[in-house]
């Protein structure tokens, strides 16, 4: 028996795996089963990423890439690379679906 045969929707399994980085475990016994969901991995954050997170935390509002790069002293391209890493770690999110939108800003996700 696997998780899919139990009727657990594939979307739930996929979201659990994306969120934690690990698929849930299944333990079977005679008349029962146990599904183990894991906690989210704590993301390892570097110094520049921590600077960006602190800036967004203290700003109190979403910020443009240009504002972030100027405040931290990075080129715009370098700031974009660091912001993308934070997006991949689910720590920062854009305010617009299109990151090329001039109105796009970035904010903390949690």
PDB file of N, CA and C in Angstrom:
ATOM      1  N   UNK A   1       0.848  -1.177   0.000  1.00  0.00           N
ATOM      2  CA  UNK A   1       0.000   0.000   0.000  1.00  0.00           C
ATOM      3  C   UNK A   1       0.896   1.243   0.000  1.00  0.00           C
ATOM      4  N   UNK A   2       0.517   2.220  -0.792  1.00  0.00           N
ATOM      5  CA  UNK A   2       1.265   3.475  -0.788  1.00  0.00           C
ATOM      6  C   UNK A   2       0.295   4.631  -0.530  1.00  0.00           C
ATOM      7  N   UNK A   3       0.845   5.820  -0.397  1.00  0.00           N
ATOM      8  CA  UNK A   3       0.018   6.978  -0.062  1.00  0.00           C
ATOM      9  C   UNK A   3      -1.052   7.252  -1.111  1.00  0.00           C
ATOM     10  N   UNK A   4      -0.733   7.006  -2.373  1.00  0.00           N
ATOM     11  CA  UNK A   4      -1.691   7.276  -3.443  1.00  0.00           C
ATOM     12  C   UNK A   4      -2.872   6.317  -3.375  1.00  0.00           C
ATOM     13  N   UNK A   5      -2.632   5.062  -3.019  1.00  0.00           N
ATOM     14  CA  UNK A   5      -3.721   4.084  -2.958  1.00  0.00           C
ATOM     15  C   UNK A   5      -4.645   4.328  -1.772  1.00  0.00           C
ATOM     16  N   UNK A   6      -4.218   5.118  -0.809  1.00  0.00           N
ATOM     17  CA  UNK A   6      -5.067   5.458   0.340  1.00  0.00           C
ATOM     18  C   UNK A   6      -6.073   6.539  -0.008  1.00  0.00           C
ATOM     19  N   UNK A   7      -5.945   7.111  -1.173  1.00  0.00           N
ATOM     20  CA  UNK A   7      -6.869   8.159  -1.574  1.00  0.00           C
ATOM     21  C   UNK A   7      -6.417   9.548  -1.157  1.00  0.00           C
ATOM     22  N   UNK A   8      -5.179   9.657  -0.688  1.00  0.00           N
ATOM     23  CA  UNK A   8      -4.661  10.977  -0.346  1.00  0.00           C
ATOM     24  C   UNK A   8      -4.398  11.699  -1.660  1.00  0.00           C
ATOM     25  N   UNK A   9      -5.032  12.844  -1.845  1.00  0.00           N
ATOM     26  CA  UNK A   9      -4.890  13.537  -3.128  1.00  0.00           C
ATOM     27  C   UNK A   9      -3.431  13.844  -3.479  1.00  0.00           C
ATOM     28  N   UNK A  10      -3.130  13.666  -4.739  1.00  0.00           N
ATOM     29  CA  UNK A  10      -1.780  13.910  -5.242  1.00  0.00           C
ATOM     30  C   UNK A  10      -1.344  15.341  -4.946  1.00  0.00           C
ATOM     31  N   UNK A  11      -2.269  16.288  -5.037  1.00  0.00           N
ATOM     32  CA  UNK A  11      -1.922  17.690  -4.787  1.00  0.00           C
ATOM     33  C   UNK A  11      -1.425  17.887  -3.349  1.00  0.00           C
ATOM     34  N   UNK A  12      -2.054  17.217  -2.392  1.00  0.00           N
ATOM     35  CA  UNK A  12      -1.623  17.324  -0.996  1.00  0.00           C
ATOM     36  C   UNK A  12      -0.221  16.749  -0.842  1.00  0.00           C
ATOM     37  N   UNK A  13       0.022  15.592  -1.450  1.00  0.00           N
ATOM     38  CA  UNK A  13       1.357  14.985  -1.377  1.00  0.00           C
ATOM     39  C   UNK A  13       2.407  15.892  -2.006  1.00  0.00           C
ATOM     40  N   UNK A  14       2.057  16.489  -3.150  1.00  0.00           N
ATOM     41  CA  UNK A  14       2.994  17.370  -3.839  1.00  0.00           C
ATOM     42  C   UNK A  14       3.296  18.604  -2.981  1.00  0.00           C
ATOM     43  N   UNK A  15       2.275  19.201  -2.397  1.00  0.00           N
ATOM     44  CA  UNK A  15       2.479  20.379  -1.564  1.00  0.00           C
ATOM     45  C   UNK A  15       3.315  20.055  -0.323  1.00  0.00           C
ATOM     46  N   UNK A  16       3.054  18.907   0.296  1.00  0.00           N
ATOM     47  CA  UNK A  16       3.862  18.497   1.453  1.00  0.00           C
ATOM     48  C   UNK A  16       5.327  18.353   1.059  1.00  0.00           C
ATOM     49  N   UNK A  17       5.564  17.732  -0.075  1.00  0.00           N
ATOM     50  CA  UNK A  17       6.932  17.522  -0.542  1.00  0.00           C
ATOM     51  C   UNK A  17       7.604  18.848  -0.873  1.00  0.00           C
ATOM     52  N   UNK A  18       6.883  19.760  -1.536  1.00  0.00           N
ATOM     53  CA  UNK A  18       7.460  21.066  -1.860  1.00  0.00           C
ATOM     54  C   UNK A  18       7.757  21.859  -0.596  1.00  0.00           C
ATOM     55  N   UNK A  19       6.868  21.804   0.358  1.00  0.00           N
ATOM     56  CA  UNK A  19       7.006  22.605   1.577  1.00  0.00           C
ATOM     57  C   UNK A  19       8.135  22.091   2.470  1.00  0.00           C
ATOM     58  N   UNK A  20       8.218  20.775   2.613  1.00  0.00           N
ATOM     59  CA  UNK A  20       9.200  20.208   3.541  1.00  0.00           C
ATOM     60  C   UNK A  20      10.451  19.688   2.857  1.00  0.00           C
ATOM     61  N   UNK A  21      10.363  19.458   1.542  1.00  0.00           N
ATOM     62  CA  UNK A  21      11.494  18.870   0.833  1.00  0.00           C
ATOM     63  C   UNK A  21      11.533  17.359   0.976  1.00  0.00           C
ATOM     64  N   UNK A  22      10.466  16.789   1.520  1.00  0.00           N
ATOM     65  CA  UNK A  22      10.447  15.361   1.800  1.00  0.00           C
ATOM     66  C   UNK A  22       9.026  14.835   1.677  1.00  0.00           C
ATOM     67  N   UNK A  23       8.866  13.673   1.027  1.00  0.00           N
ATOM     68  CA  UNK A  23       7.540  13.082   0.900  1.00  0.00           C
ATOM     69  C   UNK A  23       7.115  12.469   2.235  1.00  0.00           C
ATOM     70  N   UNK A  24       5.822  12.550   2.571  1.00  0.00           N
ATOM     71  CA  UNK A  24       5.349  11.937   3.817  1.00  0.00           C
ATOM     72  C   UNK A  24       5.655  10.437   3.837  1.00  0.00           C
ATOM     73  N   UNK A  25       5.820   9.881   5.041  1.00  0.00           N
ATOM     74  CA  UNK A  25       6.062   8.440   5.206  1.00  0.00           C
ATOM     75  C   UNK A  25       4.766   7.735   5.563  1.00  0.00           C
ATOM     76  N   UNK A  26       4.695   6.463   5.209  1.00  0.00           N
ATOM     77  CA  UNK A  26       3.543   5.638   5.511  1.00  0.00           C
ATOM     78  C   UNK A  26       4.003   4.417   6.300  1.00  0.00           C
ATOM     79  N   UNK A  27       3.412   4.218   7.484  1.00  0.00           N
ATOM     80  CA  UNK A  27       3.678   3.026   8.293  1.00  0.00           C
ATOM     81  C   UNK A  27       2.378   2.253   8.409  1.00  0.00           C
ATOM     82  N   UNK A  28       2.442   0.959   8.055  1.00  0.00           N
ATOM     83  CA  UNK A  28       1.256   0.118   8.107  1.00  0.00           C
ATOM     84  C   UNK A  28       1.375  -0.882   9.244  1.00  0.00           C
ATOM     85  N   UNK A  29       0.222  -1.177   9.872  1.00  0.00           N
ATOM     86  CA  UNK A  29       0.145  -2.280  10.824  1.00  0.00           C
ATOM     87  C   UNK A  29      -1.067  -3.112  10.425  1.00  0.00           C
ATOM     88  N   UNK A  30      -1.498  -4.033  11.268  1.00  0.00           N
ATOM     89  CA  UNK A  30      -2.584  -4.945  10.899  1.00  0.00           C
ATOM     90  C   UNK A  30      -3.850  -4.234  10.424  1.00  0.00           C
ATOM     91  N   UNK A  31      -4.409  -3.397  11.278  1.00  0.00           N
ATOM     92  CA  UNK A  31      -5.689  -2.766  10.951  1.00  0.00           C
ATOM     93  C   UNK A  31      -5.615  -1.256  10.833  1.00  0.00           C
ATOM     94  N   UNK A  32      -4.428  -0.719  10.748  1.00  0.00           N
ATOM     95  CA  UNK A  32      -4.322   0.732  10.691  1.00  0.00           C
ATOM     96  C   UNK A  32      -3.089   1.158   9.907  1.00  0.00           C
ATOM     97  N   UNK A  33      -2.995   2.437   9.700  1.00  0.00           N
ATOM     98  CA  UNK A  33      -1.817   2.997   9.067  1.00  0.00           C
ATOM     99  C   UNK A  33      -1.561   4.366   9.671  1.00  0.00           C
ATOM    100  N   UNK A  34      -0.329   4.828   9.547  1.00  0.00           N
ATOM    101  CA  UNK A  34       0.050   6.140  10.074  1.00  0.00           C
ATOM    102  C   UNK A  34       0.796   6.889   8.981  1.00  0.00           C
ATOM    103  N   UNK A  35       0.364   8.116   8.706  1.00  0.00           N
ATOM    104  CA  UNK A  35       1.041   8.975   7.743  1.00  0.00           C
ATOM    105  C   UNK A  35       1.833  10.008   8.541  1.00  0.00           C
ATOM    106  N   UNK A  36       3.129  10.110   8.271  1.00  0.00           N
ATOM    107  CA  UNK A  36       3.983  11.065   8.974  1.00  0.00           C
ATOM    108  C   UNK A  36       4.286  12.237   8.051  1.00  0.00           C
ATOM    109  N   UNK A  37       3.892  13.429   8.474  1.00  0.00           N
ATOM    110  CA  UNK A  37       4.203  14.652   7.752  1.00  0.00           C
ATOM    111  C   UNK A  37       5.367  15.312   8.468  1.00  0.00           C
ATOM    112  N   UNK A  38       6.304  15.832   7.727  1.00  0.00           N
ATOM    113  CA  UNK A  38       7.505  16.401   8.314  1.00  0.00           C
ATOM    114  C   UNK A  38       7.438  17.914   8.397  1.00  0.00           C
ATOM    115  N   UNK A  39       8.169  18.455   9.351  1.00  0.00           N
ATOM    116  CA  UNK A  39       8.261  19.900   9.505  1.00  0.00           C
ATOM    117  C   UNK A  39       9.067  20.499   8.372  1.00  0.00           C
ATOM    118  N   UNK A  40       8.811  21.754   8.122  1.00  0.00           N
ATOM    119  CA  UNK A  40       9.553  22.478   7.099  1.00  0.00           C
ATOM    120  C   UNK A  40      11.010  22.597   7.526  1.00  0.00           C
ATOM    121  N   UNK A  41      11.884  22.378   6.564  1.00  0.00           N
ATOM    122  CA  UNK A  41      13.312  22.550   6.827  1.00  0.00           C
ATOM    123  C   UNK A  41      13.608  24.015   7.074  1.00  0.00           C
ATOM    124  N   UNK A  42      14.450  24.269   8.044  1.00  0.00           N
ATOM    125  CA  UNK A  42      14.878  25.647   8.278  1.00  0.00           C
ATOM    126  C   UNK A  42      15.882  25.991   7.183  1.00  0.00           C
ATOM    127  N   UNK A  43      15.588  27.051   6.479  1.00  0.00           N
ATOM    128  CA  UNK A  43      16.464  27.465   5.383  1.00  0.00           C
ATOM    129  C   UNK A  43      17.753  28.060   5.942  1.00  0.00           C
ATOM    130  N   UNK A  44      18.837  27.697   5.312  1.00  0.00           N
ATOM    131  CA  UNK A  44      20.125  28.284   5.671  1.00  0.00           C
ATOM    132  C   UNK A  44      20.234  29.611   4.928  1.00  0.00           C
ATOM    133  N   UNK A  45      20.532  30.657   5.676  1.00  0.00           N
ATOM    134  CA  UNK A  45      20.539  31.998   5.099  1.00  0.00           C
ATOM    135  C   UNK A  45      21.923  32.607   5.273  1.00  0.00           C
ATOM    136  N   UNK A  46      22.432  33.157   4.178  1.00  0.00           N
ATOM    137  CA  UNK A  46      23.731  33.817   4.213  1.00  0.00           C
ATOM    138  C   UNK A  46      23.621  35.256   4.700  1.00  0.00           C
ATOM    139  N   UNK A  47      24.765  35.904   4.820  1.00  0.00           N
ATOM    140  CA  UNK A  47      24.821  37.268   5.352  1.00  0.00           C
ATOM    141  C   UNK A  47      24.043  38.265   4.491  1.00  0.00           C
ATOM    142  N   UNK A  48      24.232  38.194   3.176  1.00  0.00           N
ATOM    143  CA  UNK A  48      23.527  39.136   2.286  1.00  0.00           C
ATOM    144  C   UNK A  48      22.021  38.869   2.330  1.00  0.00           C
ATOM    145  N   UNK A  49      21.643  37.591   2.347  1.00  0.00           N
ATOM    146  CA  UNK A  49      20.226  37.264   2.424  1.00  0.00           C
ATOM    147  C   UNK A  49      19.630  37.792   3.732  1.00  0.00           C
ATOM    148  N   UNK A  50      20.364  37.648   4.819  1.00  0.00           N
ATOM    149  CA  UNK A  50      19.897  38.153   6.116  1.00  0.00           C
ATOM    150  C   UNK A  50      19.751  39.674   6.076  1.00  0.00           C
ATOM    151  N   UNK A  51      20.675  40.353   5.396  1.00  0.00           N
ATOM    152  CA  UNK A  51      20.572  41.811   5.245  1.00  0.00           C
ATOM    153  C   UNK A  51      19.288  42.197   4.507  1.00  0.00           C
ATOM    154  N   UNK A  52      18.972  41.457   3.446  1.00  0.00           N
ATOM    155  CA  UNK A  52      17.756  41.743   2.670  1.00  0.00           C
ATOM    156  C   UNK A  52      16.522  41.469   3.523  1.00  0.00           C
ATOM    157  N   UNK A  53      16.516  40.360   4.248  1.00  0.00           N
ATOM    158  CA  UNK A  53      15.376  40.031   5.108  1.00  0.00           C
ATOM    159  C   UNK A  53      15.178  41.093   6.188  1.00  0.00           C
ATOM    160  N   UNK A  54      16.268  41.526   6.806  1.00  0.00           N
ATOM    161  CA  UNK A  54      16.166  42.570   7.834  1.00  0.00           C
ATOM    162  C   UNK A  54      15.643  43.875   7.253  1.00  0.00           C
ATOM    163  N   UNK A  55      16.107  44.214   6.059  1.00  0.00           N
ATOM    164  CA  UNK A  55      15.652  45.428   5.391  1.00  0.00           C
ATOM    165  C   UNK A  55      14.142  45.368   5.133  1.00  0.00           C
ATOM    166  N   UNK A  56      13.669  44.240   4.599  1.00  0.00           N
ATOM    167  CA  UNK A  56      12.242  44.091   4.331  1.00  0.00           C
ATOM    168  C   UNK A  56      11.436  44.071   5.635  1.00  0.00           C
ATOM    169  N   UNK A  57      12.006  43.488   6.662  1.00  0.00           N
ATOM    170  CA  UNK A  57      11.340  43.425   7.969  1.00  0.00           C
ATOM    171  C   UNK A  57      11.168  44.818   8.566  1.00  0.00           C
ATOM    172  N   UNK A  58      12.214  45.628   8.474  1.00  0.00           N
ATOM    173  CA  UNK A  58      12.182  46.954   9.098  1.00  0.00           C
ATOM    174  C   UNK A  58      11.505  48.013   8.227  1.00  0.00           C
ATOM    175  N   UNK A  59      11.425  47.776   6.932  1.00  0.00           N
ATOM    176  CA  UNK A  59      10.820  48.778   6.044  1.00  0.00           C
ATOM    177  C   UNK A  59       9.321  48.903   6.286  1.00  0.00           C
ATOM    178  N   UNK A  60       8.693  47.807   6.651  1.00  0.00           N
ATOM    179  CA  UNK A  60       7.256  47.841   6.894  1.00  0.00           C
ATOM    180  C   UNK A  60       6.414  47.883   5.639  1.00  0.00           C
ATOM    181  N   UNK A  61       7.052  47.856   4.487  1.00  0.00           N
ATOM    182  CA  UNK A  61       6.313  47.877   3.216  1.00  0.00           C
ATOM    183  C   UNK A  61       7.122  47.128   2.171  1.00  0.00           C
ATOM    184  N   UNK A  62       6.457  46.610   1.132  1.00  0.00           N
ATOM    185  CA  UNK A  62       7.191  45.964   0.046  1.00  0.00           C
ATOM    186  C   UNK A  62       8.150  46.958  -0.619  1.00  0.00           C
ATOM    187  N   UNK A  63       9.264  46.456  -1.121  1.00  0.00           N
ATOM    188  CA  UNK A  63      10.288  47.323  -1.708  1.00  0.00           C
ATOM    189  C   UNK A  63      10.626  46.891  -3.131  1.00  0.00           C
ATOM    190  N   UNK A  64      11.006  47.872  -3.947  1.00  0.00           N
ATOM    191  CA  UNK A  64      11.486  47.621  -5.304  1.00  0.00           C
ATOM    192  C   UNK A  64      12.905  47.073  -5.246  1.00  0.00           C
ATOM    193  N   UNK A  65      13.294  46.380  -6.288  1.00  0.00           N
ATOM    194  CA  UNK A  65      14.661  45.862  -6.389  1.00  0.00           C
ATOM    195  C   UNK A  65      15.666  46.999  -6.264  1.00  0.00           C
ATOM    196  N   UNK A  66      15.389  48.103  -6.925  1.00  0.00           N
ATOM    197  CA  UNK A  66      16.285  49.269  -6.901  1.00  0.00           C
ATOM    198  C   UNK A  66      16.483  49.774  -5.469  1.00  0.00           C
ATOM    199  N   UNK A  67      15.401  49.809  -4.698  1.00  0.00           N
ATOM    200  CA  UNK A  67      15.487  50.273  -3.310  1.00  0.00           C
ATOM    201  C   UNK A  67      16.322  49.315  -2.459  1.00  0.00           C
ATOM    202  N   UNK A  68      16.125  48.032  -2.681  1.00  0.00           N
ATOM    203  CA  UNK A  68      16.883  47.018  -1.926  1.00  0.00           C
ATOM    204  C   UNK A  68      18.362  47.107  -2.271  1.00  0.00           C
ATOM    205  N   UNK A  69      18.662  47.189  -3.565  1.00  0.00           N
ATOM    206  CA  UNK A  69      20.065  47.227  -3.987  1.00  0.00           C
ATOM    207  C   UNK A  69      20.769  48.482  -3.461  1.00  0.00           C
ATOM    208  N   UNK A  70      20.087  49.619  -3.480  1.00  0.00           N
ATOM    209  CA  UNK A  70      20.683  50.865  -2.990  1.00  0.00           C
ATOM    210  C   UNK A  70      20.918  50.813  -1.480  1.00  0.00           C
ATOM    211  N   UNK A  71      19.978  50.269  -0.750  1.00  0.00           N
ATOM    212  CA  UNK A  71      20.086  50.217   0.714  1.00  0.00           C
ATOM    213  C   UNK A  71      21.200  49.283   1.174  1.00  0.00           C
ATOM    214  N   UNK A  72      21.446  48.220   0.406  1.00  0.00           N
ATOM    215  CA  UNK A  72      22.448  47.234   0.826  1.00  0.00           C
ATOM    216  C   UNK A  72      23.795  47.469   0.137  1.00  0.00           C
ATOM    217  N   UNK A  73      23.788  48.263  -0.912  1.00  0.00           N
ATOM    218  CA  UNK A  73      25.043  48.545  -1.604  1.00  0.00           C
ATOM    219  C   UNK A  73      25.429  47.489  -2.616  1.00  0.00           C
ATOM    220  N   UNK A  74      24.433  46.925  -3.285  1.00  0.00           N
ATOM    221  CA  UNK A  74      24.671  45.913  -4.322  1.00  0.00           C
ATOM    222  C   UNK A  74      24.227  46.473  -5.672  1.00  0.00           C
ATOM    223  N   UNK A  75      24.761  45.889  -6.736  1.00  0.00           N
ATOM    224  CA  UNK A  75      24.225  46.248  -8.051  1.00  0.00           C
ATOM    225  C   UNK A  75      22.815  45.676  -8.146  1.00  0.00           C
ATOM    226  N   UNK A  76      22.017  46.229  -9.037  1.00  0.00           N
ATOM    227  CA  UNK A  76      20.644  45.764  -9.190  1.00  0.00           C
ATOM    228  C   UNK A  76      20.611  44.291  -9.586  1.00  0.00           C
ATOM    229  N   UNK A  77      21.500  43.898 -10.498  1.00  0.00           N
ATOM    230  CA  UNK A  77      21.554  42.498 -10.956  1.00  0.00           C
ATOM    231  C   UNK A  77      21.904  41.549  -9.804  1.00  0.00           C
ATOM    232  N   UNK A  78      22.869  41.940  -8.977  1.00  0.00           N
ATOM    233  CA  UNK A  78      23.269  41.106  -7.836  1.00  0.00           C
ATOM    234  C   UNK A  78      22.120  41.014  -6.840  1.00  0.00           C
ATOM    235  N   UNK A  79      21.437  42.129  -6.602  1.00  0.00           N
ATOM    236  CA  UNK A  79      20.289  42.124  -5.691  1.00  0.00           C
ATOM    237  C   UNK A  79      19.204  41.186  -6.208  1.00  0.00           C
ATOM    238  N   UNK A  80      18.947  41.204  -7.512  1.00  0.00           N
ATOM    239  CA  UNK A  80      17.951  40.313  -8.111  1.00  0.00           C
ATOM    240  C   UNK A  80      18.332  38.858  -7.867  1.00  0.00           C
ATOM    241  N   UNK A  81      19.612  38.538  -8.033  1.00  0.00           N
ATOM    242  CA  UNK A  81      20.059  37.155  -7.806  1.00  0.00           C
ATOM    243  C   UNK A  81      19.801  36.723  -6.364  1.00  0.00           C
ATOM    244  N   UNK A  82      20.119  37.593  -5.396  1.00  0.00           N
ATOM    245  CA  UNK A  82      19.895  37.267  -3.985  1.00  0.00           C
ATOM    246  C   UNK A  82      18.406  37.183  -3.673  1.00  0.00           C
ATOM    247  N   UNK A  83      17.605  38.069  -4.230  1.00  0.00           N
ATOM    248  CA  UNK A  83      16.155  38.031  -4.020  1.00  0.00           C
ATOM    249  C   UNK A  83      15.585  36.730  -4.574  1.00  0.00           C
ATOM    250  N   UNK A  84      16.056  36.312  -5.750  1.00  0.00           N
ATOM    251  CA  UNK A  84      15.581  35.056  -6.341  1.00  0.00           C
ATOM    252  C   UNK A  84      15.901  33.863  -5.442  1.00  0.00           C
ATOM    253  N   UNK A  85      17.047  33.889  -4.805  1.00  0.00           N
ATOM    254  CA  UNK A  85      17.389  32.809  -3.867  1.00  0.00           C
ATOM    255  C   UNK A  85      16.409  32.788  -2.693  1.00  0.00           C
ATOM    256  N   UNK A  86      16.057  33.962  -2.194  1.00  0.00           N
ATOM    257  CA  UNK A  86      15.104  34.041  -1.090  1.00  0.00           C
ATOM    258  C   UNK A  86      13.709  33.613  -1.527  1.00  0.00           C
ATOM    259  N   UNK A  87      13.348  33.891  -2.765  1.00  0.00           N
ATOM    260  CA  UNK A  87      12.069  33.426  -3.306  1.00  0.00           C
ATOM    261  C   UNK A  87      12.078  31.902  -3.377  1.00  0.00           C
ATOM    262  N   UNK A  88      13.188  31.324  -3.843  1.00  0.00           N
ATOM    263  CA  UNK A  88      13.307  29.863  -3.922  1.00  0.00           C
ATOM    264  C   UNK A  88      13.213  29.208  -2.550  1.00  0.00           C
ATOM    265  N   UNK A  89      13.627  29.919  -1.513  1.00  0.00           N
ATOM    266  CA  UNK A  89      13.562  29.410  -0.137  1.00  0.00           C
ATOM    267  C   UNK A  89      12.226  29.733   0.532  1.00  0.00           C
ATOM    268  N   UNK A  90      11.288  30.285  -0.244  1.00  0.00           N
ATOM    269  CA  UNK A  90       9.960  30.658   0.256  1.00  0.00           C
ATOM    270  C   UNK A  90      10.012  31.657   1.403  1.00  0.00           C
ATOM    271  N   UNK A  91      10.964  32.566   1.363  1.00  0.00           N
ATOM    272  CA  UNK A  91      11.090  33.568   2.414  1.00  0.00           C
ATOM    273  C   UNK A  91      10.649  34.954   1.948  1.00  0.00           C
ATOM    274  N   UNK A  92      10.686  35.170   0.646  1.00  0.00           N
ATOM    275  CA  UNK A  92      10.305  36.455   0.044  1.00  0.00           C
ATOM    276  C   UNK A  92       9.388  36.146  -1.128  1.00  0.00           C
ATOM    277  N   UNK A  93       8.457  37.067  -1.383  1.00  0.00           N
ATOM    278  CA  UNK A  93       7.570  36.887  -2.535  1.00  0.00           C
ATOM    279  C   UNK A  93       7.382  38.211  -3.265  1.00  0.00           C
ATOM    280  N   UNK A  94       7.179  38.138  -4.583  1.00  0.00           N
ATOM    281  CA  UNK A  94       6.902  39.360  -5.343  1.00  0.00           C
ATOM    282  C   UNK A  94       5.440  39.755  -5.153  1.00  0.00           C
ATOM    283  N   UNK A  95       5.156  41.039  -5.290  1.00  0.00           N
ATOM    284  CA  UNK A  95       3.775  41.517  -5.167  1.00  0.00           C
ATOM    285  C   UNK A  95       3.020  41.377  -6.477  1.00  0.00           C
ATOM    286  N   UNK A  96       3.728  41.072  -7.548  1.00  0.00           N
ATOM    287  CA  UNK A  96       3.122  40.947  -8.871  1.00  0.00           C
ATOM    288  C   UNK A  96       3.508  39.599  -9.468  1.00  0.00           C
ATOM    289  N   UNK A  97       2.614  39.028 -10.271  1.00  0.00           N
ATOM    290  CA  UNK A  97       2.922  37.757 -10.940  1.00  0.00           C
ATOM    291  C   UNK A  97       4.073  37.926 -11.933  1.00  0.00           C
ATOM    292  N   UNK A  98       4.149  39.098 -12.545  1.00  0.00           N
ATOM    293  CA  UNK A  98       5.188  39.396 -13.512  1.00  0.00           C
ATOM    294  C   UNK A  98       6.271  40.233 -12.825  1.00  0.00           C
ATOM    295  N   UNK A  99       7.428  39.635 -12.613  1.00  0.00           N
ATOM    296  CA  UNK A  99       8.501  40.352 -11.918  1.00  0.00           C
ATOM    297  C   UNK A  99       9.090  41.486 -12.750  1.00  0.00           C
ATOM    298  N   UNK A 100       8.786  41.519 -14.051  1.00  0.00           N
ATOM    299  CA  UNK A 100       9.251  42.620 -14.901  1.00  0.00           C
ATOM    300  C   UNK A 100       8.313  43.817 -14.844  1.00  0.00           C
ATOM    301  N   UNK A 101       7.206  43.665 -14.156  1.00  0.00           N
ATOM    302  CA  UNK A 101       6.246  44.762 -13.986  1.00  0.00           C
ATOM    303  C   UNK A 101       6.917  45.866 -13.171  1.00  0.00           C
ATOM    304  N   UNK A 102       6.920  47.112 -13.667  1.00  0.00           N
ATOM    305  CA  UNK A 102       7.554  48.213 -12.937  1.00  0.00           C
ATOM    306  C   UNK A 102       6.958  48.438 -11.544  1.00  0.00           C
ATOM    307  N   UNK A 103       5.734  47.955 -11.311  1.00  0.00           N
ATOM    308  CA  UNK A 103       5.101  48.105 -10.007  1.00  0.00           C
ATOM    309  C   UNK A 103       5.445  46.963  -9.054  1.00  0.00           C
ATOM    310  N   UNK A 104       6.187  45.982  -9.528  1.00  0.00           N
ATOM    311  CA  UNK A 104       6.528  44.816  -8.706  1.00  0.00           C
ATOM    312  C   UNK A 104       7.431  45.219  -7.546  1.00  0.00           C
ATOM    313  N   UNK A 105       7.081  44.735  -6.396  1.00  0.00           N
ATOM    314  CA  UNK A 105       7.868  44.951  -5.180  1.00  0.00           C
ATOM    315  C   UNK A 105       8.069  43.580  -4.520  1.00  0.00           C
ATOM    316  N   UNK A 106       8.898  43.543  -3.501  1.00  0.00           N
ATOM    317  CA  UNK A 106       9.149  42.296  -2.789  1.00  0.00           C
ATOM    318  C   UNK A 106       8.848  42.487  -1.308  1.00  0.00           C
ATOM    319  N   UNK A 107       8.293  41.426  -0.703  1.00  0.00           N
ATOM    320  CA  UNK A 107       7.927  41.461   0.715  1.00  0.00           C
ATOM    321  C   UNK A 107       8.251  40.112   1.354  1.00  0.00           C
ATOM    322  N   UNK A 108       8.274  40.103   2.670  1.00  0.00           N
ATOM    323  CA  UNK A 108       8.494  38.870   3.391  1.00  0.00           C
ATOM    324  C   UNK A 108       7.308  37.953   3.176  1.00  0.00           C
ATOM    325  N   UNK A 109       7.589  36.674   3.086  1.00  0.00           N
ATOM    326  CA  UNK A 109       6.504  35.728   2.852  1.00  0.00           C
ATOM    327  C   UNK A 109       5.862  35.267   4.147  1.00  0.00           C
ATOM    328  N   UNK A 110       6.582  35.290   5.219  1.00  0.00           N
ATOM    329  CA  UNK A 110       6.031  34.792   6.491  1.00  0.00           C
ATOM    330  C   UNK A 110       5.665  35.905   7.425  1.00  0.00           C
TER     331      UNK A 110
END
